[in-house]
């Protein structure tokens, strides 16, 4: 027989025990022992005691403190992340998720909402309820230069894109927008823009002279009447 090895520290004895239990022969003996142990009355009494212990407040408090401790550590967060990733692939999780979504949809319908929890209201009416006018009207005022970007409500800025209004210089230089000029003289905004580009400015005198010149040109272009025989 070989000489028995002596271990000077408890750590060396622990490491030697782990090496012996890691061998295939030791694992086979351990599995056989557990199979026999599960068939005994002692194992049945152990399971019953565990079920009783898990129903106590002491065990629930221990589980709560253990879960809080695991959530604060990197190891616990990594374990929970891997566990949830694997659990999300199972049929049990999909069934639970489906039942939860159906329950939420039913609750939203009872409350008068859509299945996703949003109200049955379109964007225009919702904006009108908040500000008194629709988003399209806000954008129209902004394009016409009737309101500056800084003066727009915060939730309106999220719906439209900031840009340099094409008609803002006309509003600043003349005091009226293209639409106001067009409504006053019965022409379109595009025609007012063309006249502004042609004249360089917009005034009432220019529009009045334009009307006079246009009538004169029309009379000059009109074919002369022939004398009847």
Protein backbone atom coordinates (compact mmCIF):
# COMPACT_ATOMS: atom_id res chain seq x y z
CA UNK A 1 0.00 0.00 0.00
CA UNK A 2 1.12 3.46 -0.77
CA UNK A 3 1.88 6.00 1.84
CA UNK A 4 -1.16 8.02 2.94
CA UNK A 5 -0.86 11.67 1.98
CA UNK A 6 -1.08 14.22 4.73
CA UNK A 7 -2.78 17.59 4.22
CA UNK A 8 -1.46 20.38 6.35
CA UNK A 9 -4.34 22.85 5.77
CA UNK A 10 -8.09 22.64 5.43
CA UNK A 11 -7.88 24.25 2.00
CA UNK A 12 -5.67 21.43 0.69
CA UNK A 13 -8.07 18.82 2.11
CA UNK A 14 -11.00 20.59 0.41
CA UNK A 15 -9.25 20.72 -2.96
CA UNK A 16 -8.35 16.99 -2.72
CA UNK A 17 -11.98 16.12 -1.97
CA UNK A 18 -13.15 18.14 -4.99
CA UNK A 19 -10.67 16.31 -7.26
CA UNK A 20 -11.90 12.91 -6.02
CA UNK A 21 -15.57 13.84 -6.52
CA UNK A 22 -14.89 15.12 -10.05
CA UNK A 23 -13.84 11.69 -11.35
CA UNK A 24 -16.36 9.68 -13.47
CA UNK A 25 -16.33 6.81 -10.93
CA UNK A 26 -17.25 9.18 -8.08
CA UNK A 27 -20.05 10.79 -10.11
CA UNK A 28 -21.50 7.35 -10.97
CA UNK A 29 -21.45 6.28 -7.29
CA UNK A 30 -23.13 9.57 -6.32
CA UNK A 31 -25.93 9.13 -8.88
CA UNK A 32 -26.55 5.59 -7.72
CA UNK A 33 -26.69 6.71 -4.11
CA UNK A 34 -29.25 9.45 -4.88
CA UNK A 35 -31.46 7.06 -6.84
CA UNK A 36 -31.63 4.73 -3.84
CA UNK A 37 -32.12 7.62 -1.41
CA UNK A 38 -35.12 9.00 -3.33
CA UNK A 39 -36.95 5.73 -2.74
CA UNK A 40 -36.66 5.90 1.06
CA UNK A 41 -39.15 7.31 3.57
CA UNK A 42 -36.54 9.76 4.85
CA UNK A 43 -36.50 11.52 1.46
CA UNK A 44 -40.33 11.71 1.47
CA UNK A 45 -40.26 13.29 4.95
CA UNK A 46 -37.61 15.74 3.72
CA UNK A 47 -39.79 16.86 0.79
CA UNK A 48 -42.79 17.33 3.08
CA UNK A 49 -40.76 19.45 5.48
CA UNK A 50 -39.51 21.58 2.59
CA UNK A 51 -43.06 22.19 1.35
CA UNK A 52 -44.12 23.28 4.81
CA UNK A 53 -41.10 25.55 5.16
CA UNK A 54 -41.73 27.27 1.81
CA UNK A 55 -45.23 28.26 2.96
CA UNK A 56 -43.91 30.15 6.00
CA UNK A 57 -43.29 33.91 6.25
CA UNK A 58 -39.70 33.24 7.24
CA UNK A 59 -38.96 31.59 3.89
CA UNK A 60 -40.71 34.39 1.94
CA UNK A 61 -38.65 36.99 3.77
CA UNK A 62 -35.48 35.04 3.02
CA UNK A 63 -36.40 34.84 -0.68
CA UNK A 64 -37.13 38.55 -0.80
CA UNK A 65 -33.76 39.47 0.76
CA UNK A 66 -31.96 36.99 -1.50
CA UNK A 67 -33.57 38.44 -4.64
CA UNK A 68 -32.69 42.00 -3.59
CA UNK A 69 -29.12 40.94 -2.95
CA UNK A 70 -28.85 39.19 -6.34
CA UNK A 71 -30.20 42.24 -8.19
CA UNK A 72 -27.43 44.42 -6.76
CA UNK A 73 -24.60 42.20 -7.97
CA UNK A 74 -23.27 41.81 -11.50
CA UNK A 75 -23.45 38.04 -11.17
CA UNK A 76 -27.12 38.17 -10.21
CA UNK A 77 -28.02 40.52 -13.05
CA UNK A 78 -26.18 38.38 -15.57
CA UNK A 79 -27.88 35.23 -14.27
CA UNK A 80 -31.33 36.84 -14.45
CA UNK A 81 -30.64 38.11 -17.97
CA UNK A 82 -29.63 34.66 -19.22
CA UNK A 83 -32.53 33.03 -17.41
CA UNK A 84 -35.10 35.41 -18.92
CA UNK A 85 -33.61 34.97 -22.40
CA UNK A 86 -34.02 31.20 -22.14
CA UNK A 87 -37.43 31.44 -20.49
CA UNK A 88 -38.75 33.72 -23.26
CA UNK A 89 -38.23 30.88 -25.75
CA UNK A 90 -40.49 28.44 -23.90
CA UNK A 91 -44.15 27.74 -24.67
CA UNK A 92 -45.10 28.48 -21.06
CA UNK A 93 -43.85 32.07 -21.36
CA UNK A 94 -45.68 32.57 -24.67
CA UNK A 95 -48.95 31.37 -23.14
CA UNK A 96 -48.55 33.65 -20.12
CA UNK A 97 -47.69 36.58 -22.39
CA UNK A 98 -50.71 35.89 -24.62
CA UNK A 99 -53.08 35.76 -21.65
CA UNK A 100 -51.64 39.01 -20.30
CA UNK A 101 -52.09 40.83 -23.62
CA UNK A 102 -55.66 39.58 -24.01
CA UNK A 103 -56.44 40.78 -20.49
CA UNK A 104 -54.98 44.24 -21.16
CA UNK A 105 -56.89 44.53 -24.45
CA UNK A 106 -60.16 43.68 -22.71
CA UNK A 107 -59.48 46.27 -19.99
CA UNK A 108 -58.67 48.97 -22.58
CA UNK A 109 -61.87 48.25 -24.53
CA UNK A 110 -63.93 48.50 -21.35
CA UNK A 111 -62.30 51.88 -20.62
CA UNK A 112 -63.20 53.11 -24.12
CA UNK A 113 -59.66 52.93 -25.49
CA UNK A 114 -58.03 51.06 -28.33
CA UNK A 115 -56.41 47.68 -27.73
CA UNK A 116 -52.99 49.36 -27.35
CA UNK A 117 -54.31 51.79 -24.73
CA UNK A 118 -54.44 54.87 -26.99
CA UNK A 119 -57.64 56.97 -27.26
CA UNK A 120 -59.94 56.70 -30.26
CA UNK A 121 -59.02 60.15 -31.58
CA UNK A 122 -57.09 61.27 -34.62
CA UNK A 123 -54.15 63.62 -34.56
CA UNK A 124 -56.05 66.65 -35.84
CA UNK A 125 -58.79 66.48 -33.23
CA UNK A 126 -56.26 65.76 -30.49
CA UNK A 127 -54.25 68.84 -31.46
CA UNK A 128 -57.42 70.89 -31.66
CA UNK A 129 -58.39 69.75 -28.19
CA UNK A 130 -55.01 70.87 -26.83
CA UNK A 131 -54.50 74.18 -28.66
CA UNK A 132 -57.82 75.10 -30.29
CA UNK A 133 -56.57 74.61 -33.88
CA UNK A 134 -55.23 71.65 -35.82
CA UNK A 135 -51.61 70.87 -36.65
CA UNK A 136 -52.18 71.75 -40.32
CA UNK A 137 -53.41 75.20 -39.34
CA UNK A 138 -50.37 75.73 -37.11
CA UNK A 139 -48.07 74.74 -39.98
CA UNK A 140 -49.95 77.02 -42.39
CA UNK A 141 -49.48 80.00 -40.08
CA UNK A 142 -45.81 79.15 -39.72
CA UNK A 143 -45.32 78.88 -43.49
CA UNK A 144 -47.07 82.19 -44.06
CA UNK A 145 -44.86 83.90 -41.52
CA UNK A 146 -47.77 84.74 -39.24
CA UNK A 147 -46.01 83.14 -36.27
CA UNK A 148 -42.35 82.58 -35.44
CA UNK A 149 -40.78 79.22 -34.61
CA UNK A 150 -40.00 80.35 -31.05
CA UNK A 151 -43.68 81.16 -30.44
CA UNK A 152 -44.96 77.73 -31.50
CA UNK A 153 -46.15 75.36 -28.73
CA UNK A 154 -43.69 72.66 -27.73
CA UNK A 155 -45.84 69.73 -28.92
CA UNK A 156 -46.38 71.51 -32.28
CA UNK A 157 -42.61 71.74 -32.82
CA UNK A 158 -42.41 67.96 -32.53
CA UNK A 159 -44.88 67.52 -35.40
CA UNK A 160 -43.47 69.94 -37.98
CA UNK A 161 -39.91 70.49 -39.17
CA UNK A 162 -38.16 73.82 -38.67
CA UNK A 163 -37.43 75.69 -41.87
CA UNK A 164 -36.97 79.22 -43.13
CA UNK A 165 -40.49 80.26 -44.22
CA UNK A 166 -40.61 81.30 -47.85
CA UNK A 167 -43.19 83.99 -47.24
CA UNK A 168 -41.87 85.40 -43.95
CA UNK A 169 -39.85 88.25 -45.60
CA UNK A 170 -43.03 89.51 -47.28
CA UNK A 171 -44.83 89.53 -43.95
CA UNK A 172 -41.99 91.47 -42.31
CA UNK A 173 -41.55 94.02 -45.13
CA UNK A 174 -45.20 94.69 -46.02
CA UNK A 175 -47.09 93.80 -42.84
CA UNK A 176 -49.37 91.35 -44.65
CA UNK A 177 -49.02 87.80 -45.84
CA UNK A 178 -49.41 86.57 -49.42
CA UNK A 179 -52.86 85.21 -48.58
CA UNK A 180 -53.98 88.56 -47.19
CA UNK A 181 -52.73 90.41 -50.28
CA UNK A 182 -54.43 87.89 -52.54
CA UNK A 183 -57.75 88.06 -50.69
CA UNK A 184 -57.72 91.85 -50.86
CA UNK A 185 -57.20 92.04 -54.63
CA UNK A 186 -58.84 88.77 -55.68
CA UNK A 187 -55.74 86.93 -56.90
CA UNK A 188 -53.86 83.82 -55.77
CA UNK A 189 -50.93 83.72 -53.40
CA UNK A 190 -48.67 82.46 -56.19
CA UNK A 191 -49.55 85.47 -58.33
CA UNK A 192 -48.77 87.79 -55.39
CA UNK A 193 -45.41 86.09 -54.99
CA UNK A 194 -44.66 86.57 -58.69
CA UNK A 195 -45.54 90.27 -58.48
CA UNK A 196 -43.37 90.68 -55.39
CA UNK A 197 -40.48 89.11 -57.27
CA UNK A 198 -41.14 91.42 -60.23
CA UNK A 199 -41.59 94.68 -58.30
CA UNK A 200 -39.32 93.97 -55.34
CA UNK A 201 -42.02 95.10 -52.90
CA UNK A 202 -45.79 95.19 -52.45
CA UNK A 203 -47.87 98.33 -51.93
CA UNK A 204 -51.47 99.34 -52.48
CA UNK A 205 -50.44 101.92 -55.10
CA UNK A 206 -48.68 99.28 -57.18
CA UNK A 207 -51.73 97.03 -57.12
CA UNK A 208 -54.06 99.90 -58.02
CA UNK A 209 -51.82 101.05 -60.90
CA UNK A 210 -51.55 97.44 -61.99
CA UNK A 211 -55.32 97.20 -62.23
CA UNK A 212 -55.47 100.45 -64.26
CA UNK A 213 -52.64 99.43 -66.59
CA UNK A 214 -54.17 96.00 -67.12
CA UNK A 215 -57.52 97.49 -68.14
CA UNK A 216 -55.77 99.92 -70.52
CA UNK A 217 -53.76 97.13 -72.12
CA UNK A 218 -56.87 95.04 -72.58
CA UNK A 219 -58.64 97.90 -74.36
CA UNK A 220 -55.62 98.49 -76.58
CA UNK A 221 -55.37 94.81 -77.50
CA UNK A 222 -59.07 94.63 -78.30
CA UNK A 223 -59.71 94.50 -82.05
CA UNK A 224 -61.20 97.75 -83.43
CA UNK A 225 -64.83 97.58 -84.50
CA UNK A 226 -65.44 97.74 -88.28
CA UNK A 227 -67.97 100.22 -89.62
CA UNK A 228 -71.13 98.69 -90.92
CA UNK A 229 -72.02 99.42 -94.47
